[in-house]
Amino acid sequence: MNYVDGHLIDSYHDERQSSSTDRPFVSIIMPVRNESRFIEESLGAVLAQDYPSDRMEVLIADGMSTDDTREIISRIADAHPSLSISIVDNPGRIASTGLNAALQEARGDVIIRVDGHTFLEPDHVRQCIEALARSGADHVGGRMETVSEGPFGEAVSWATGTGFGVGHGRFHYADHEEWSDTVSMGAWPRQVFERIGLFDEEQVRNQDDEFNYRLLEHGGKILLCPSIKSRYYNRSTPRSLWRQYYQYGYWKIRVMQKHPLQMRPRQFAPPLLAAALVVTAILAPFFTLAAWGFCLVMGSYVVANFMASALTARLAGWHLTPRLSLAYGILHFSYGLGFLVGLLRFWNRWHDRGEWAVLKQA
């Protein structure tokens, strides 16, 4: 592989370079913890890639799992010696520290992230390499389709695949290749991490958003390519969905404080909704105007939620309408409340941009 101005230049597509040794070496990094339910299927999808196994390695950063995740990984590694599969300890137990631990051990020209409950299509790695090569992008990501468990999980799958549900998450539903400000997971040339640093280990959540914003600030380009496909098991209970999106909102504050120019108006809609309801609810017993304001805001949201749920149910099935409404409400209110709590928690961190270790050259 060759690079000009930090961008990938296609070298292996040349007809004169057809052997597998001419293809970029790929490091697949997987941050996991207690993924015994999904790790066998997830690793199986990696093993099924149509990219040469002698040009790949898999580094699984395990957050000190307490189930039998490690035993399953070891068994699979022993059964498939043609692909290098190794476990890296992640005592930090969160995705960002796991990603960095794996990156420090990675030998690849290209880094591809896969989560423990994500399942790649067989051409995923090849599509990533080809997209990097033809586009000159610094990060490419694809379309992620959600896989559900149970009736509520099915509703979450549909809700997160709509603009009303997730707003900016175009990787859930994009149907054409486009430049983007963020994508889910995906692939990077190794030089990106040597140039701008590793993932921010402060970010319990939103570490991918923070990294992408930092990349854009360094002049990088991010490509959303729907031909790169994967499947992801979404949350299947109201409680787990609430916790996930509450944390997204909470940690978004630190992303905003570090990269204020990258924020978009759409990202403030859920916290503004939550703030309006909280303030008017507190003032309603004392001021009639506040009570009317609460009714107006809540009523407007209920109407919008009902309309979005009905439109989605036309495709998903009318039986899902109540669960869709609940899923939408959780997505918006948990994120919004998390954002507000994060504002209070990090009120004095507006000038703290953080520091990032840089990946050393192999």
Protein backbone atom coordinates (compact mmCIF):
# COMPACT_ATOMS: atom_id res chain seq x y z
CA MET A 1 0.00 0.00 0.00
CA ASN A 2 1.11 3.52 -0.73
CA TYR A 3 -0.02 6.77 0.85
CA VAL A 4 -0.01 10.32 -0.47
CA ASP A 5 -0.90 13.16 1.93
CA GLY A 6 -2.18 10.58 4.38
CA HIS A 7 -4.64 9.04 1.93
CA LEU A 8 -4.76 5.47 0.71
CA ILE A 9 -3.77 4.78 -2.88
CA ASP A 10 -5.03 1.59 -4.49
CA SER A 11 -2.13 -0.77 -5.09
CA TYR A 12 -3.61 -4.21 -4.95
CA HIS A 13 -6.30 -3.61 -7.58
CA ASP A 14 -3.65 -3.55 -10.31
CA GLU A 15 -3.91 -6.64 -12.51
CA ARG A 16 -0.17 -7.09 -12.27
CA GLN A 17 -0.50 -7.54 -8.49
CA SER A 18 -2.93 -10.39 -8.09
CA SER A 19 -1.38 -12.50 -5.33
CA SER A 20 -2.69 -12.26 -1.79
CA THR A 21 0.66 -10.94 -0.53
CA ASP A 22 0.08 -7.75 -2.50
CA ARG A 23 -3.09 -6.99 -0.56
CA PRO A 24 -3.03 -4.77 2.53
CA PHE A 25 -2.59 -6.59 5.81
CA VAL A 26 -5.72 -6.07 7.91
CA SER A 27 -6.02 -5.98 11.69
CA ILE A 28 -9.56 -6.64 12.93
CA ILE A 29 -9.93 -5.26 16.45
CA MET A 30 -12.82 -6.34 18.68
CA PRO A 31 -13.56 -4.81 22.10
CA VAL A 32 -15.69 -7.32 24.03
CA ARG A 33 -16.85 -8.17 27.53
CA ASN A 34 -19.12 -11.04 28.49
CA GLU A 35 -20.10 -11.77 24.89
CA SER A 36 -20.51 -15.54 25.22
CA ARG A 37 -23.95 -15.38 23.59
CA PHE A 38 -22.70 -13.78 20.40
CA ILE A 39 -18.91 -14.17 20.09
CA GLU A 40 -19.03 -17.49 18.25
CA GLU A 41 -21.33 -16.12 15.56
CA SER A 42 -19.40 -12.86 15.39
CA LEU A 43 -16.05 -14.59 14.98
CA GLY A 44 -17.63 -17.03 12.54
CA ALA A 45 -18.54 -14.09 10.31
CA VAL A 46 -14.91 -12.95 10.39
CA LEU A 47 -13.75 -16.46 9.47
CA ALA A 48 -16.17 -16.43 6.52
CA GLN A 49 -14.63 -13.33 4.91
CA ASP A 50 -13.64 -13.63 1.25
CA TYR A 51 -10.41 -11.77 2.03
CA PRO A 52 -7.24 -13.95 2.30
CA SER A 53 -6.87 -15.20 5.86
CA ASP A 54 -3.08 -14.91 5.64
CA ARG A 55 -3.55 -11.15 5.19
CA MET A 56 -5.65 -10.72 8.33
CA GLU A 57 -5.29 -10.93 12.09
CA VAL A 58 -7.95 -10.68 14.78
CA LEU A 59 -7.18 -8.96 18.09
CA ILE A 60 -9.92 -9.38 20.70
CA ALA A 61 -9.60 -6.93 23.59
CA ASP A 62 -11.43 -8.66 26.41
CA GLY A 63 -12.65 -6.49 29.27
CA MET A 64 -11.93 -9.22 31.83
CA SER A 65 -15.05 -11.24 31.02
CA THR A 66 -16.63 -13.21 33.84
CA ASP A 67 -18.46 -15.65 31.53
CA ASP A 68 -16.87 -18.15 29.14
CA THR A 69 -16.11 -15.64 26.37
CA ARG A 70 -12.38 -16.37 26.52
CA GLU A 71 -12.84 -20.11 26.41
CA ILE A 72 -15.01 -19.82 23.31
CA ILE A 73 -12.45 -17.59 21.60
CA SER A 74 -9.61 -19.97 22.43
CA ARG A 75 -11.55 -22.93 21.10
CA ILE A 76 -12.29 -21.15 17.83
CA ALA A 77 -8.67 -20.01 17.49
CA ASP A 78 -7.40 -23.56 17.98
CA ALA A 79 -9.84 -24.86 15.35
CA HIS A 80 -8.79 -22.27 12.74
CA PRO A 81 -4.99 -21.94 12.81
CA SER A 82 -4.91 -20.32 9.35
CA LEU A 83 -6.19 -17.05 10.88
CA SER A 84 -4.28 -15.35 13.67
CA ILE A 85 -6.72 -14.85 16.56
CA SER A 86 -5.38 -13.50 19.85
CA ILE A 87 -6.79 -12.12 23.10
CA VAL A 88 -5.56 -8.81 24.51
CA ASP A 89 -6.32 -7.94 28.15
CA ASN A 90 -8.46 -4.83 28.65
CA PRO A 91 -8.46 -4.05 32.39
CA GLY A 92 -10.24 -0.75 31.68
CA ARG A 93 -13.33 -2.80 30.73
CA ILE A 94 -14.75 -0.17 28.35
CA ALA A 95 -14.67 -0.02 24.56
CA SER A 96 -12.19 2.85 24.23
CA THR A 97 -9.51 1.24 26.42
CA GLY A 98 -10.08 -2.07 24.64
CA LEU A 99 -9.73 -0.52 21.21
CA ASN A 100 -6.49 1.18 22.23
CA ALA A 101 -5.06 -1.98 23.76
CA ALA A 102 -5.74 -3.85 20.51
CA LEU A 103 -4.38 -1.01 18.38
CA GLN A 104 -1.08 -1.07 20.24
CA GLU A 105 -0.68 -4.73 19.26
CA ALA A 106 -2.02 -4.41 15.72
CA ARG A 107 0.30 -4.99 12.75
CA GLY A 108 -2.13 -4.13 9.97
CA ASP A 109 -1.90 -1.51 7.24
CA VAL A 110 -5.66 -1.16 7.69
CA ILE A 111 -7.59 -1.34 10.97
CA ILE A 112 -11.18 -2.61 10.99
CA ARG A 113 -13.37 -2.45 14.09
CA VAL A 114 -15.91 -5.15 14.87
CA ASP A 115 -17.96 -5.37 18.08
CA GLY A 116 -18.73 -8.64 19.82
CA HIS A 117 -22.40 -8.61 18.84
CA THR A 118 -21.81 -7.43 15.28
CA PHE A 119 -21.88 -9.82 12.32
CA LEU A 120 -20.10 -8.96 9.09
CA GLU A 121 -21.25 -9.83 5.61
CA PRO A 122 -18.72 -12.14 3.85
CA ASP A 123 -17.37 -9.31 1.66
CA HIS A 124 -17.12 -6.74 4.48
CA VAL A 125 -13.32 -6.61 4.74
CA ARG A 126 -12.82 -6.55 0.97
CA GLN A 127 -15.44 -3.83 0.56
CA CYS A 128 -13.71 -1.71 3.22
CA ILE A 129 -10.34 -2.05 1.51
CA GLU A 130 -11.80 -1.20 -1.89
CA ALA A 131 -13.72 1.81 -0.54
CA LEU A 132 -10.59 3.21 1.14
CA ALA A 133 -8.63 2.67 -2.05
CA ARG A 134 -10.99 4.29 -4.52
CA SER A 135 -12.11 7.21 -2.33
CA GLY A 136 -9.00 8.45 -0.55
CA ALA A 137 -11.07 8.52 2.65
CA ASP A 138 -9.49 8.33 6.10
CA HIS A 139 -12.40 6.36 7.53
CA VAL A 140 -15.03 4.31 5.77
CA GLY A 141 -18.10 2.77 7.35
CA GLY A 142 -21.10 0.95 6.04
CA ARG A 143 -24.76 0.31 6.56
CA MET A 144 -25.62 -1.43 9.81
CA GLU A 145 -28.81 -3.43 9.96
CA THR A 146 -30.17 -4.27 13.37
CA VAL A 147 -31.12 -7.76 14.50
CA SER A 148 -33.75 -8.01 17.21
CA GLU A 149 -34.76 -10.37 19.99
CA GLY A 150 -38.37 -10.38 21.16
CA PRO A 151 -41.27 -8.01 20.36
CA PHE A 152 -39.72 -4.92 21.98
CA GLY A 153 -36.35 -5.64 20.37
CA GLU A 154 -38.11 -5.76 17.01
CA ALA A 155 -39.66 -2.35 17.68
CA VAL A 156 -36.26 -0.94 18.62
CA SER A 157 -34.81 -2.32 15.40
CA TRP A 158 -37.42 -0.46 13.36
CA ALA A 159 -37.25 2.73 15.44
CA THR A 160 -33.47 3.07 15.18
CA GLY A 161 -33.74 2.63 11.43
CA THR A 162 -35.70 5.87 11.00
CA GLY A 163 -34.80 9.53 10.97
CA PHE A 164 -37.33 10.29 13.70
CA GLY A 165 -35.73 7.69 15.94
CA VAL A 166 -32.03 8.46 15.64
CA GLY A 167 -31.86 11.58 13.46
CA HIS A 168 -28.21 11.63 12.47
CA GLY A 169 -27.66 7.87 12.31
CA ARG A 170 -27.73 7.63 8.51
CA PHE A 171 -25.65 4.46 8.66
CA HIS A 172 -28.88 2.76 9.72
CA TYR A 173 -30.77 3.63 6.56
CA ALA A 174 -28.54 5.30 3.91
CA ASP A 175 -29.03 3.94 0.40
CA HIS A 176 -26.21 5.69 -1.47
CA GLU A 177 -22.53 6.46 -0.95
CA GLU A 178 -21.92 9.85 0.66
CA TRP A 179 -19.44 11.86 2.69
CA SER A 180 -20.47 12.00 6.33
CA ASP A 181 -19.50 13.49 9.69
CA THR A 182 -19.67 10.15 11.44
CA VAL A 183 -20.13 6.47 10.68
CA SER A 184 -20.39 3.38 12.84
CA MET A 185 -17.22 1.33 13.25
CA GLY A 186 -15.67 0.75 9.82
CA ALA A 187 -12.05 0.87 8.66
CA TRP A 188 -9.09 3.23 8.86
CA PRO A 189 -5.60 3.30 7.34
CA ARG A 190 -3.14 2.75 10.17
CA GLN A 191 -1.55 6.15 9.51
CA VAL A 192 -4.70 7.86 10.80
CA PHE A 193 -3.96 6.71 14.35
CA GLU A 194 -0.30 7.64 13.99
CA ARG A 195 -1.35 11.12 12.88
CA ILE A 196 -4.17 12.10 15.27
CA GLY A 197 -3.91 9.63 18.15
CA LEU A 198 -5.95 6.79 19.61
CA PHE A 199 -9.47 6.66 21.02
CA ASP A 200 -10.28 8.92 23.96
CA GLU A 201 -10.27 6.70 27.03
CA GLU A 202 -12.37 9.16 29.03
CA GLN A 203 -15.33 8.38 26.78
CA VAL A 204 -17.27 5.48 28.24
CA ARG A 205 -19.66 6.06 25.35
CA ASN A 206 -19.41 8.12 22.14
CA GLN A 207 -15.73 7.33 21.65
CA ASP A 208 -16.41 6.80 17.94
CA ASP A 209 -18.11 10.22 17.65
CA GLU A 210 -15.23 11.92 19.43
CA PHE A 211 -12.66 10.22 17.21
CA ASN A 212 -14.52 11.08 14.01
CA TYR A 213 -14.88 14.73 15.02
CA ARG A 214 -11.17 14.88 15.81
CA LEU A 215 -10.42 13.34 12.44
CA LEU A 216 -12.52 15.98 10.67
CA GLU A 217 -10.74 18.75 12.56
CA HIS A 218 -7.46 17.37 11.19
CA GLY A 219 -8.78 17.58 7.64
CA GLY A 220 -9.80 13.94 7.39
CA LYS A 221 -12.60 12.56 5.23
CA ILE A 222 -15.27 10.05 6.28
CA LEU A 223 -17.17 7.98 3.74
CA LEU A 224 -20.47 6.20 4.33
CA CYS A 225 -20.65 3.30 1.89
CA PRO A 226 -23.86 1.21 2.01
CA SER A 227 -22.22 -1.69 0.15
CA ILE A 228 -20.24 -2.33 3.37
CA LYS A 229 -22.80 -4.23 5.42
CA SER A 230 -23.03 -5.68 8.89
CA ARG A 231 -25.72 -6.74 11.34
CA TYR A 232 -25.95 -5.71 14.97
CA TYR A 233 -28.01 -7.03 17.89
CA ASN A 234 -29.86 -4.04 19.33
CA ARG A 235 -31.17 -3.70 22.88
CA SER A 236 -34.21 -5.86 23.53
CA THR A 237 -35.69 -4.43 26.77
CA PRO A 238 -36.88 -0.92 27.70
CA ARG A 239 -34.43 -0.80 30.60
CA SER A 240 -31.35 -1.69 28.55
CA LEU A 241 -32.35 0.74 25.79
CA TRP A 242 -32.88 3.53 28.32
CA ARG A 243 -29.47 2.92 29.89
CA GLN A 244 -27.73 2.87 26.50
CA TYR A 245 -29.17 6.14 25.22
CA TYR A 246 -28.94 7.86 28.60
CA GLN A 247 -25.20 7.20 28.49
CA TYR A 248 -25.03 8.41 24.90
CA GLY A 249 -26.57 11.72 25.95
CA TYR A 250 -24.48 11.97 29.12
CA TRP A 251 -21.13 11.47 27.36
CA LYS A 252 -22.11 13.63 24.40
CA ILE A 253 -21.39 16.61 26.63
CA ARG A 254 -17.69 15.77 26.79
CA VAL A 255 -17.64 15.28 23.02
CA MET A 256 -19.27 18.70 22.61
CA GLN A 257 -16.79 20.31 25.00
CA LYS A 258 -13.85 18.89 23.07
CA HIS A 259 -15.25 19.55 19.59
CA PRO A 260 -17.87 22.32 19.80
CA LEU A 261 -17.69 23.24 16.11
CA GLN A 262 -18.68 19.71 15.05
CA MET A 263 -22.05 19.74 16.81
CA ARG A 264 -25.18 19.95 14.66
CA PRO A 265 -28.57 21.53 15.55
CA ARG A 266 -30.37 18.17 15.30
CA GLN A 267 -28.31 16.84 18.22
CA PHE A 268 -29.90 19.39 20.57
CA ALA A 269 -33.52 18.40 19.86
CA PRO A 270 -33.86 15.66 22.54
CA PRO A 271 -32.22 17.72 25.35
CA LEU A 272 -34.31 20.77 24.46
CA LEU A 273 -37.45 18.63 24.60
CA ALA A 274 -36.42 17.15 27.94
CA ALA A 275 -35.46 20.56 29.35
CA ALA A 276 -38.76 22.11 28.31
CA LEU A 277 -40.72 19.33 29.98
CA VAL A 278 -38.64 19.36 33.17
CA VAL A 279 -38.80 23.14 33.60
CA THR A 280 -42.51 23.46 32.85
CA ALA A 281 -43.32 20.47 35.08
CA ILE A 282 -41.47 22.07 38.00
CA LEU A 283 -43.13 25.45 37.48
CA ALA A 284 -46.60 24.15 36.62
CA PRO A 285 -47.89 24.02 40.26
CA PHE A 286 -47.05 27.71 40.66
CA PHE A 287 -47.73 29.26 37.23
CA THR A 288 -50.67 28.57 34.96
CA LEU A 289 -48.63 29.54 31.92
CA ALA A 290 -46.08 26.86 32.78
CA ALA A 291 -48.83 24.26 33.06
CA TRP A 292 -50.12 25.22 29.63
CA GLY A 293 -46.55 25.12 28.33
CA PHE A 294 -46.09 21.60 29.66
CA CYS A 295 -49.32 20.44 28.02
CA LEU A 296 -48.35 22.10 24.73
CA VAL A 297 -44.87 20.56 24.60
CA MET A 298 -45.99 17.12 25.73
CA GLY A 299 -49.03 17.16 23.47
CA SER A 300 -46.95 18.16 20.46
CA TYR A 301 -44.50 15.37 21.15
CA VAL A 302 -47.25 12.78 21.64
CA VAL A 303 -48.75 13.73 18.27
CA ALA A 304 -45.35 13.56 16.53
CA ASN A 305 -44.56 10.24 18.22
CA PHE A 306 -47.94 8.78 17.24
CA MET A 307 -47.53 9.86 13.62
CA ALA A 308 -44.01 8.45 13.39
CA SER A 309 -45.11 5.21 15.06
CA ALA A 310 -48.02 4.84 12.66
CA LEU A 311 -45.84 5.49 9.60
CA THR A 312 -43.30 2.95 10.80
CA ALA A 313 -46.00 0.43 11.71
CA ARG A 314 -47.29 0.51 8.14
CA LEU A 315 -44.11 -1.34 7.21
CA ALA A 316 -43.32 -3.14 10.47
CA GLY A 317 -46.84 -4.32 11.30
CA TRP A 318 -49.61 -2.57 13.19
CA HIS A 319 -49.19 -4.86 16.19
CA LEU A 320 -45.89 -3.09 16.94
CA THR A 321 -47.45 0.39 17.21
CA PRO A 322 -47.49 0.62 21.04
CA ARG A 323 -43.94 -0.75 21.31
CA LEU A 324 -42.72 1.60 18.59
CA SER A 325 -44.17 4.54 20.49
CA LEU A 326 -42.43 3.38 23.67
CA ALA A 327 -39.13 2.83 21.85
CA TYR A 328 -39.24 6.30 20.30
CA GLY A 329 -40.03 7.85 23.67
CA ILE A 330 -37.12 6.08 25.35
CA LEU A 331 -34.69 7.01 22.57
CA HIS A 332 -35.57 10.70 22.90
CA PHE A 333 -36.13 11.18 26.62
CA SER A 334 -33.26 9.01 27.88
CA TYR A 335 -30.80 10.76 25.57
CA GLY A 336 -32.19 14.17 26.44
CA LEU A 337 -32.09 13.60 30.21
CA GLY A 338 -28.61 12.11 29.97
CA PHE A 339 -27.49 15.22 28.10
CA LEU A 340 -28.91 17.50 30.79
CA VAL A 341 -27.30 15.52 33.61
CA GLY A 342 -24.02 15.59 31.70
CA LEU A 343 -24.27 19.39 31.48
CA LEU A 344 -24.47 19.54 35.27
CA ARG A 345 -21.79 16.92 35.83
CA PHE A 346 -19.23 18.49 33.46
CA TRP A 347 -20.15 22.16 33.90
CA ASN A 348 -16.53 23.13 34.65
CA ARG A 349 -14.82 21.15 31.86
CA TRP A 350 -15.40 23.46 28.89
CA HIS A 351 -11.71 24.19 28.41
CA ASP A 352 -10.55 20.61 28.96
CA ARG A 353 -9.99 19.17 25.48
CA GLY A 354 -8.30 15.99 26.70
CA GLU A 355 -5.13 14.30 25.52
CA TRP A 356 -4.69 11.32 23.23
CA ALA A 357 -1.80 8.90 22.94
CA VAL A 358 -0.47 8.44 19.42
CA LEU A 359 -0.07 4.99 17.91
CA LYS A 360 3.60 4.20 17.42
CA GLN A 361 4.75 2.94 14.05
CA ALA A 362 5.17 -0.83 13.87
